[in-house]
Amino acid sequence: MNNRYEINEIENYLNISGNKAKNTELKEISKHNNTESNIESNTISIDKKVYLTIKETSLLFNIGITKIRNLTQEKNCPFVLFNGNKCLISRKKFEVFLDNKHSI
């Protein structure tokens, strides 16, 4: 639905109910509604994320999920952050970790 259609729809509703609203107020309402829908539909690509899930890390670095899970469960793992039960991996620290390894 485009902005002009939404404004006309709101104007018609307000005219029927006896309220008169300024066009600028209607544009603000429409902008606010569009901003909310844009926020809900936006997603961040994997290569721009700071913290990755195990599955995202596996896809990005082409390493198996089991191998990554085993690495994150090691004591004093330098690149892992736990948010409750959710395991998040710092992409930059993981890259540094991999750069310093000959094999994993």
Foldseek 3Di string as FASTA:
>chain_A
DDLVVQLVVVCVVCVVVPHDDDSVVSSVVSVVVVVVVVVVPDDDDLVPDQKDFLVSCCVVVVDDSVVSVVLQPDPPRPFWDDDDPTIIGGPVVVVVVVVPDPDD
